[in-house]
Amino acid sequence: MAQTVNVNFRMDSALKQQMDSICEELGMSLTTAFTIFARKVCREKKIPFEVSVDPFYSKENMDRLRRSIAQMEATGGTIHEVDNA
C-alpha cells in the first residue's frame, strides 16, 4: 500500500461547507473527491475542466471602461434608461 501524506491548503469556509455537503450526497469524503481530482490530473496531464478568464475583466476592456467613465464624468454625461415600450 502506498504511503499517504497530508496536504494542507486554504479555502473559503462557505465553499468548504458546500463541498463537504455535496461530497456527502455523493457518498464520499472531501479527501476522496480531491484524490479523484489528483488522479485524473495525473492520468490526463491536464486540469480535467476548462479554466478560463472572463474576457470582460481583461486589461484592455477594463482600461476602455475607465476611459469611458472618465470621459462621461468630464463631459457631464449621464446614463439614460432605454424605453422598451
PDB file of N, CA and C in Angstrom:
ATOM      1  N   MET A   1       0.839  -1.173   0.000  1.00  0.00           N
ATOM      2  CA  MET A   1       0.000   0.000   0.000  1.00  0.00           C
ATOM      3  C   MET A   1       0.888   1.241   0.000  1.00  0.00           C
ATOM      4  N   ALA A   2       0.508   2.241  -0.792  1.00  0.00           N
ATOM      5  CA  ALA A   2       1.287   3.477  -0.894  1.00  0.00           C
ATOM      6  C   ALA A   2       1.201   4.267   0.405  1.00  0.00           C
ATOM      7  N   GLN A   3       2.301   4.941   0.720  1.00  0.00           N
ATOM      8  CA  GLN A   3       2.326   5.792   1.908  1.00  0.00           C
ATOM      9  C   GLN A   3       1.459   7.021   1.642  1.00  0.00           C
ATOM     10  N   THR A   4       0.690   7.444   2.629  1.00  0.00           N
ATOM     11  CA  THR A   4      -0.132   8.643   2.482  1.00  0.00           C
ATOM     12  C   THR A   4       0.540   9.818   3.165  1.00  0.00           C
ATOM     13  N   VAL A   5       0.236  11.019   2.680  1.00  0.00           N
ATOM     14  CA  VAL A   5       0.765  12.255   3.254  1.00  0.00           C
ATOM     15  C   VAL A   5      -0.383  13.238   3.429  1.00  0.00           C
ATOM     16  N   ASN A   6      -0.209  14.175   4.317  1.00  0.00           N
ATOM     17  CA  ASN A   6      -1.193  15.238   4.497  1.00  0.00           C
ATOM     18  C   ASN A   6      -0.884  16.370   3.529  1.00  0.00           C
ATOM     19  N   VAL A   7      -1.933  16.934   2.934  1.00  0.00           N
ATOM     20  CA  VAL A   7      -1.816  18.093   2.065  1.00  0.00           C
ATOM     21  C   VAL A   7      -2.709  19.164   2.665  1.00  0.00           C
ATOM     22  N   ASN A   8      -2.145  20.332   2.932  1.00  0.00           N
ATOM     23  CA  ASN A   8      -2.913  21.422   3.536  1.00  0.00           C
ATOM     24  C   ASN A   8      -3.029  22.587   2.567  1.00  0.00           C
ATOM     25  N   PHE A   9      -4.221  23.129   2.436  1.00  0.00           N
ATOM     26  CA  PHE A   9      -4.417  24.356   1.675  1.00  0.00           C
ATOM     27  C   PHE A   9      -5.609  25.085   2.248  1.00  0.00           C
ATOM     28  N   ARG A  10      -5.723  26.362   1.901  1.00  0.00           N
ATOM     29  CA  ARG A  10      -6.785  27.202   2.447  1.00  0.00           C
ATOM     30  C   ARG A  10      -7.869  27.426   1.410  1.00  0.00           C
ATOM     31  N   MET A  11      -9.114  27.530   1.894  1.00  0.00           N
ATOM     32  CA  MET A  11     -10.233  27.909   1.040  1.00  0.00           C
ATOM     33  C   MET A  11     -11.282  28.588   1.901  1.00  0.00           C
ATOM     34  N   ASP A  12     -12.151  29.307   1.267  1.00  0.00           N
ATOM     35  CA  ASP A  12     -13.234  29.991   1.951  1.00  0.00           C
ATOM     36  C   ASP A  12     -14.072  28.971   2.718  1.00  0.00           C
ATOM     37  N   SER A  13     -14.454  29.290   3.947  1.00  0.00           N
ATOM     38  CA  SER A  13     -15.175  28.326   4.785  1.00  0.00           C
ATOM     39  C   SER A  13     -16.544  27.968   4.193  1.00  0.00           C
ATOM     40  N   ALA A  14     -17.229  28.933   3.564  1.00  0.00           N
ATOM     41  CA  ALA A  14     -18.533  28.633   2.951  1.00  0.00           C
ATOM     42  C   ALA A  14     -18.357  27.669   1.778  1.00  0.00           C
ATOM     43  N   LEU A  15     -17.298  27.857   1.001  1.00  0.00           N
ATOM     44  CA  LEU A  15     -17.018  26.945  -0.112  1.00  0.00           C
ATOM     45  C   LEU A  15     -16.751  25.540   0.403  1.00  0.00           C
ATOM     46  N   LYS A  16     -15.971  25.436   1.472  1.00  0.00           N
ATOM     47  CA  LYS A  16     -15.676  24.113   2.054  1.00  0.00           C
ATOM     48  C   LYS A  16     -16.953  23.449   2.540  1.00  0.00           C
ATOM     49  N   GLN A  17     -17.826  24.199   3.197  1.00  0.00           N
ATOM     50  CA  GLN A  17     -19.085  23.631   3.675  1.00  0.00           C
ATOM     51  C   GLN A  17     -19.931  23.117   2.518  1.00  0.00           C
ATOM     52  N   GLN A  18     -19.987  23.893   1.435  1.00  0.00           N
ATOM     53  CA  GLN A  18     -20.734  23.441   0.254  1.00  0.00           C
ATOM     54  C   GLN A  18     -20.123  22.165  -0.309  1.00  0.00           C
ATOM     55  N   MET A  19     -18.808  22.154  -0.416  1.00  0.00           N
ATOM     56  CA  MET A  19     -18.106  20.986  -0.953  1.00  0.00           C
ATOM     57  C   MET A  19     -18.323  19.766  -0.068  1.00  0.00           C
ATOM     58  N   ASP A  20     -18.227  19.938   1.240  1.00  0.00           N
ATOM     59  CA  ASP A  20     -18.485  18.831   2.174  1.00  0.00           C
ATOM     60  C   ASP A  20     -19.894  18.281   1.970  1.00  0.00           C
ATOM     61  N   SER A  21     -20.859  19.166   1.834  1.00  0.00           N
ATOM     62  CA  SER A  21     -22.257  18.755   1.680  1.00  0.00           C
ATOM     63  C   SER A  21     -22.464  17.964   0.389  1.00  0.00           C
ATOM     64  N   ILE A  22     -21.892  18.452  -0.699  1.00  0.00           N
ATOM     65  CA  ILE A  22     -22.032  17.757  -1.989  1.00  0.00           C
ATOM     66  C   ILE A  22     -21.321  16.406  -1.951  1.00  0.00           C
ATOM     67  N   CYS A  23     -20.121  16.378  -1.374  1.00  0.00           N
ATOM     68  CA  CYS A  23     -19.400  15.104  -1.265  1.00  0.00           C
ATOM     69  C   CYS A  23     -20.199  14.098  -0.447  1.00  0.00           C
ATOM     70  N   GLU A  24     -20.826  14.564   0.635  1.00  0.00           N
ATOM     71  CA  GLU A  24     -21.642  13.681   1.460  1.00  0.00           C
ATOM     72  C   GLU A  24     -22.802  13.106   0.646  1.00  0.00           C
ATOM     73  N   GLU A  25     -23.456  13.960  -0.159  1.00  0.00           N
ATOM     74  CA  GLU A  25     -24.544  13.487  -1.018  1.00  0.00           C
ATOM     75  C   GLU A  25     -24.051  12.435  -2.003  1.00  0.00           C
ATOM     76  N   LEU A  26     -22.803  12.588  -2.448  1.00  0.00           N
ATOM     77  CA  LEU A  26     -22.221  11.635  -3.391  1.00  0.00           C
ATOM     78  C   LEU A  26     -21.664  10.388  -2.705  1.00  0.00           C
ATOM     79  N   GLY A  27     -21.684  10.384  -1.371  1.00  0.00           N
ATOM     80  CA  GLY A  27     -21.203   9.226  -0.622  1.00  0.00           C
ATOM     81  C   GLY A  27     -19.696   9.161  -0.512  1.00  0.00           C
ATOM     82  N   MET A  28     -19.050  10.314  -0.518  1.00  0.00           N
ATOM     83  CA  MET A  28     -17.596  10.317  -0.394  1.00  0.00           C
ATOM     84  C   MET A  28     -17.149  11.462   0.498  1.00  0.00           C
ATOM     85  N   SER A  29     -15.910  11.381   0.905  1.00  0.00           N
ATOM     86  CA  SER A  29     -15.332  12.447   1.732  1.00  0.00           C
ATOM     87  C   SER A  29     -14.677  13.485   0.833  1.00  0.00           C
ATOM     88  N   LEU A  30     -14.359  14.614   1.421  1.00  0.00           N
ATOM     89  CA  LEU A  30     -13.628  15.657   0.714  1.00  0.00           C
ATOM     90  C   LEU A  30     -12.269  15.122   0.254  1.00  0.00           C
ATOM     91  N   THR A  31     -11.629  14.325   1.092  1.00  0.00           N
ATOM     92  CA  THR A  31     -10.343  13.719   0.735  1.00  0.00           C
ATOM     93  C   THR A  31     -10.481  12.847  -0.504  1.00  0.00           C
ATOM     94  N   THR A  32     -11.538  12.042  -0.560  1.00  0.00           N
ATOM     95  CA  THR A  32     -11.762  11.179  -1.723  1.00  0.00           C
ATOM     96  C   THR A  32     -11.972  12.018  -2.977  1.00  0.00           C
ATOM     97  N   ALA A  33     -12.753  13.090  -2.861  1.00  0.00           N
ATOM     98  CA  ALA A  33     -13.016  13.955  -4.020  1.00  0.00           C
ATOM     99  C   ALA A  33     -11.716  14.558  -4.549  1.00  0.00           C
ATOM    100  N   PHE A  34     -10.864  15.061  -3.663  1.00  0.00           N
ATOM    101  CA  PHE A  34      -9.606  15.657  -4.118  1.00  0.00           C
ATOM    102  C   PHE A  34      -8.644  14.590  -4.635  1.00  0.00           C
ATOM    103  N   THR A  35      -8.708  13.387  -4.094  1.00  0.00           N
ATOM    104  CA  THR A  35      -7.873  12.297  -4.607  1.00  0.00           C
ATOM    105  C   THR A  35      -8.308  11.924  -6.025  1.00  0.00           C
ATOM    106  N   ILE A  36      -9.617  11.875  -6.262  1.00  0.00           N
ATOM    107  CA  ILE A  36     -10.129  11.607  -7.616  1.00  0.00           C
ATOM    108  C   ILE A  36      -9.623  12.682  -8.575  1.00  0.00           C
ATOM    109  N   PHE A  37      -9.723  13.952  -8.150  1.00  0.00           N
ATOM    110  CA  PHE A  37      -9.231  15.061  -8.964  1.00  0.00           C
ATOM    111  C   PHE A  37      -7.742  14.879  -9.274  1.00  0.00           C
ATOM    112  N   ALA A  38      -6.941  14.593  -8.254  1.00  0.00           N
ATOM    113  CA  ALA A  38      -5.489  14.447  -8.434  1.00  0.00           C
ATOM    114  C   ALA A  38      -5.157  13.293  -9.380  1.00  0.00           C
ATOM    115  N   ARG A  39      -5.856  12.171  -9.231  1.00  0.00           N
ATOM    116  CA  ARG A  39      -5.600  11.021 -10.120  1.00  0.00           C
ATOM    117  C   ARG A  39      -5.928  11.363 -11.572  1.00  0.00           C
ATOM    118  N   LYS A  40      -7.033  12.080 -11.781  1.00  0.00           N
ATOM    119  CA  LYS A  40      -7.433  12.453 -13.137  1.00  0.00           C
ATOM    120  C   LYS A  40      -6.425  13.423 -13.743  1.00  0.00           C
ATOM    121  N   VAL A  41      -5.940  14.389 -12.962  1.00  0.00           N
ATOM    122  CA  VAL A  41      -4.920  15.317 -13.445  1.00  0.00           C
ATOM    123  C   VAL A  41      -3.672  14.546 -13.850  1.00  0.00           C
ATOM    124  N   CYS A  42      -3.239  13.622 -13.031  1.00  0.00           N
ATOM    125  CA  CYS A  42      -2.035  12.846 -13.323  1.00  0.00           C
ATOM    126  C   CYS A  42      -2.219  11.947 -14.545  1.00  0.00           C
ATOM    127  N   ARG A  43      -3.390  11.351 -14.662  1.00  0.00           N
ATOM    128  CA  ARG A  43      -3.660  10.454 -15.786  1.00  0.00           C
ATOM    129  C   ARG A  43      -3.718  11.230 -17.106  1.00  0.00           C
ATOM    130  N   GLU A  44      -4.409  12.383 -17.113  1.00  0.00           N
ATOM    131  CA  GLU A  44      -4.617  13.142 -18.344  1.00  0.00           C
ATOM    132  C   GLU A  44      -3.564  14.230 -18.574  1.00  0.00           C
ATOM    133  N   LYS A  45      -2.782  14.515 -17.523  1.00  0.00           N
ATOM    134  CA  LYS A  45      -1.765  15.564 -17.585  1.00  0.00           C
ATOM    135  C   LYS A  45      -2.367  16.910 -17.985  1.00  0.00           C
ATOM    136  N   LYS A  46      -3.532  17.196 -17.427  1.00  0.00           N
ATOM    137  CA  LYS A  46      -4.205  18.485 -17.623  1.00  0.00           C
ATOM    138  C   LYS A  46      -5.282  18.638 -16.561  1.00  0.00           C
ATOM    139  N   ILE A  47      -5.746  19.864 -16.361  1.00  0.00           N
ATOM    140  CA  ILE A  47      -6.877  20.101 -15.472  1.00  0.00           C
ATOM    141  C   ILE A  47      -8.101  19.514 -16.170  1.00  0.00           C
ATOM    142  N   PRO A  48      -8.905  18.701 -15.497  1.00  0.00           N
ATOM    143  CA  PRO A  48      -9.992  17.993 -16.177  1.00  0.00           C
ATOM    144  C   PRO A  48     -11.247  18.831 -16.443  1.00  0.00           C
ATOM    145  N   PHE A  49     -11.092  20.125 -16.511  1.00  0.00           N
ATOM    146  CA  PHE A  49     -12.193  21.011 -16.890  1.00  0.00           C
ATOM    147  C   PHE A  49     -11.564  22.279 -17.428  1.00  0.00           C
ATOM    148  N   GLU A  50     -12.360  23.063 -18.164  1.00  0.00           N
ATOM    149  CA  GLU A  50     -11.838  24.285 -18.758  1.00  0.00           C
ATOM    150  C   GLU A  50     -11.601  25.334 -17.677  1.00  0.00           C
ATOM    151  N   VAL A  51     -10.440  25.954 -17.733  1.00  0.00           N
ATOM    152  CA  VAL A  51     -10.109  27.056 -16.849  1.00  0.00           C
ATOM    153  C   VAL A  51      -9.877  28.264 -17.754  1.00  0.00           C
ATOM    154  N   SER A  52     -10.683  29.296 -17.579  1.00  0.00           N
ATOM    155  CA  SER A  52     -10.548  30.459 -18.455  1.00  0.00           C
ATOM    156  C   SER A  52     -10.830  31.734 -17.676  1.00  0.00           C
ATOM    157  N   VAL A  53     -10.488  32.830 -18.283  1.00  0.00           N
ATOM    158  CA  VAL A  53     -10.689  34.141 -17.694  1.00  0.00           C
ATOM    159  C   VAL A  53     -11.870  34.788 -18.407  1.00  0.00           C
ATOM    160  N   ASP A  54     -12.760  35.406 -17.642  1.00  0.00           N
ATOM    161  CA  ASP A  54     -13.877  36.124 -18.231  1.00  0.00           C
ATOM    162  C   ASP A  54     -13.308  37.303 -19.012  1.00  0.00           C
ATOM    163  N   PRO A  55     -13.552  37.371 -20.333  1.00  0.00           N
ATOM    164  CA  PRO A  55     -12.973  38.445 -21.139  1.00  0.00           C
ATOM    165  C   PRO A  55     -13.426  39.843 -20.708  1.00  0.00           C
ATOM    166  N   PHE A  56     -14.531  39.934 -19.999  1.00  0.00           N
ATOM    167  CA  PHE A  56     -15.000  41.235 -19.524  1.00  0.00           C
ATOM    168  C   PHE A  56     -13.939  41.894 -18.656  1.00  0.00           C
ATOM    169  N   TYR A  57     -13.210  41.092 -17.872  1.00  0.00           N
ATOM    170  CA  TYR A  57     -12.225  41.631 -16.939  1.00  0.00           C
ATOM    171  C   TYR A  57     -10.820  41.725 -17.531  1.00  0.00           C
ATOM    172  N   SER A  58     -10.694  41.617 -18.846  1.00  0.00           N
ATOM    173  CA  SER A  58      -9.372  41.746 -19.459  1.00  0.00           C
ATOM    174  C   SER A  58      -8.831  43.152 -19.228  1.00  0.00           C
ATOM    175  N   LYS A  59      -7.524  43.293 -19.259  1.00  0.00           N
ATOM    176  CA  LYS A  59      -6.890  44.597 -19.055  1.00  0.00           C
ATOM    177  C   LYS A  59      -7.392  45.597 -20.078  1.00  0.00           C
ATOM    178  N   GLU A  60      -7.490  45.172 -21.330  1.00  0.00           N
ATOM    179  CA  GLU A  60      -7.928  46.077 -22.389  1.00  0.00           C
ATOM    180  C   GLU A  60      -9.347  46.584 -22.134  1.00  0.00           C
ATOM    181  N   ASN A  61     -10.238  45.694 -21.758  1.00  0.00           N
ATOM    182  CA  ASN A  61     -11.624  46.101 -21.522  1.00  0.00           C
ATOM    183  C   ASN A  61     -11.734  46.995 -20.289  1.00  0.00           C
ATOM    184  N   MET A  62     -11.011  46.660 -19.233  1.00  0.00           N
ATOM    185  CA  MET A  62     -11.062  47.482 -18.030  1.00  0.00           C
ATOM    186  C   MET A  62     -10.505  48.876 -18.308  1.00  0.00           C
ATOM    187  N   ASP A  63      -9.422  48.970 -19.108  1.00  0.00           N
ATOM    188  CA  ASP A  63      -8.875  50.274 -19.495  1.00  0.00           C
ATOM    189  C   ASP A  63      -9.903  51.071 -20.291  1.00  0.00           C
ATOM    190  N   ARG A  64     -10.581  50.408 -21.210  1.00  0.00           N
ATOM    191  CA  ARG A  64     -11.608  51.082 -22.017  1.00  0.00           C
ATOM    192  C   ARG A  64     -12.747  51.586 -21.137  1.00  0.00           C
ATOM    193  N   LEU A  65     -13.163  50.776 -20.188  1.00  0.00           N
ATOM    194  CA  LEU A  65     -14.230  51.201 -19.280  1.00  0.00           C
ATOM    195  C   LEU A  65     -13.798  52.405 -18.449  1.00  0.00           C
ATOM    196  N   ARG A  66     -12.565  52.392 -17.969  1.00  0.00           N
ATOM    197  CA  ARG A  66     -12.067  53.538 -17.193  1.00  0.00           C
ATOM    198  C   ARG A  66     -12.046  54.812 -18.036  1.00  0.00           C
ATOM    199  N   ARG A  67     -11.587  54.683 -19.300  1.00  0.00           N
ATOM    200  CA  ARG A  67     -11.575  55.850 -20.188  1.00  0.00           C
ATOM    201  C   ARG A  67     -12.991  56.361 -20.440  1.00  0.00           C
ATOM    202  N   SER A  68     -13.924  55.454 -20.653  1.00  0.00           N
ATOM    203  CA  SER A  68     -15.319  55.835 -20.901  1.00  0.00           C
ATOM    204  C   SER A  68     -15.916  56.542 -19.690  1.00  0.00           C
ATOM    205  N   ILE A  69     -15.638  56.028 -18.515  1.00  0.00           N
ATOM    206  CA  ILE A  69     -16.155  56.647 -17.288  1.00  0.00           C
ATOM    207  C   ILE A  69     -15.548  58.032 -17.116  1.00  0.00           C
ATOM    208  N   ALA A  70     -14.236  58.150 -17.343  1.00  0.00           N
ATOM    209  CA  ALA A  70     -13.564  59.448 -17.212  1.00  0.00           C
ATOM    210  C   ALA A  70     -14.141  60.448 -18.208  1.00  0.00           C
ATOM    211  N   GLN A  71     -14.385  60.009 -19.445  1.00  0.00           N
ATOM    212  CA  GLN A  71     -14.956  60.891 -20.462  1.00  0.00           C
ATOM    213  C   GLN A  71     -16.361  61.329 -20.058  1.00  0.00           C
ATOM    214  N   MET A  72     -17.154  60.390 -19.580  1.00  0.00           N
ATOM    215  CA  MET A  72     -18.512  60.715 -19.168  1.00  0.00           C
ATOM    216  C   MET A  72     -18.499  61.714 -18.014  1.00  0.00           C
ATOM    217  N   GLU A  73     -17.623  61.496 -17.043  1.00  0.00           N
ATOM    218  CA  GLU A  73     -17.534  62.410 -15.902  1.00  0.00           C
ATOM    219  C   GLU A  73     -17.029  63.786 -16.328  1.00  0.00           C
ATOM    220  N   ALA A  74     -16.091  63.820 -17.261  1.00  0.00           N
ATOM    221  CA  ALA A  74     -15.520  65.093 -17.717  1.00  0.00           C
ATOM    222  C   ALA A  74     -16.517  65.919 -18.517  1.00  0.00           C
ATOM    223  N   THR A  75     -17.420  65.258 -19.221  1.00  0.00           N
ATOM    224  CA  THR A  75     -18.379  65.972 -20.070  1.00  0.00           C
ATOM    225  C   THR A  75     -19.740  66.126 -19.413  1.00  0.00           C
ATOM    226  N   GLY A  76     -19.868  65.627 -18.192  1.00  0.00           N
ATOM    227  CA  GLY A  76     -21.156  65.736 -17.506  1.00  0.00           C
ATOM    228  C   GLY A  76     -22.199  64.796 -18.064  1.00  0.00           C
ATOM    229  N   GLY A  77     -21.741  63.739 -18.698  1.00  0.00           N
ATOM    230  CA  GLY A  77     -22.666  62.771 -19.294  1.00  0.00           C
ATOM    231  C   GLY A  77     -23.484  62.039 -18.251  1.00  0.00           C
ATOM    232  N   THR A  78     -24.579  61.477 -18.679  1.00  0.00           N
ATOM    233  CA  THR A  78     -25.443  60.709 -17.784  1.00  0.00           C
ATOM    234  C   THR A  78     -25.778  59.383 -18.423  1.00  0.00           C
ATOM    235  N   ILE A  79     -26.286  58.499 -17.628  1.00  0.00           N
ATOM    236  CA  ILE A  79     -26.747  57.203 -18.119  1.00  0.00           C
ATOM    237  C   ILE A  79     -28.236  57.344 -18.402  1.00  0.00           C
ATOM    238  N   HIS A  80     -28.641  56.953 -19.594  1.00  0.00           N
ATOM    239  CA  HIS A  80     -30.040  57.048 -19.990  1.00  0.00           C
ATOM    240  C   HIS A  80     -30.674  55.662 -19.935  1.00  0.00           C
ATOM    241  N   GLU A  81     -31.892  55.604 -19.428  1.00  0.00           N
ATOM    242  CA  GLU A  81     -32.619  54.343 -19.423  1.00  0.00           C
ATOM    243  C   GLU A  81     -33.218  54.124 -20.793  1.00  0.00           C
ATOM    244  N   VAL A  82     -33.242  52.887 -21.224  1.00  0.00           N
ATOM    245  CA  VAL A  82     -33.813  52.533 -22.512  1.00  0.00           C
ATOM    246  C   VAL A  82     -35.297  52.252 -22.312  1.00  0.00           C
ATOM    247  N   ASP A  83     -36.139  52.851 -23.141  1.00  0.00           N
ATOM    248  CA  ASP A  83     -37.565  52.623 -23.085  1.00  0.00           C
ATOM    249  C   ASP A  83     -37.887  51.419 -23.953  1.00  0.00           C
ATOM    250  N   ASN A  84     -38.301  50.323 -23.342  1.00  0.00           N
ATOM    251  CA  ASN A  84     -38.603  49.098 -24.088  1.00  0.00           C
ATOM    252  C   ASN A  84     -40.064  48.997 -24.475  1.00  0.00           C
ATOM    253  N   ALA A  85     -40.768  50.101 -24.547  1.00  0.00           N
ATOM    254  CA  ALA A  85     -42.199  50.078 -24.881  1.00  0.00           C
ATOM    255  C   ALA A  85     -42.446  49.773 -26.325  1.00  0.00           C
TER     256      ALA A  85
END
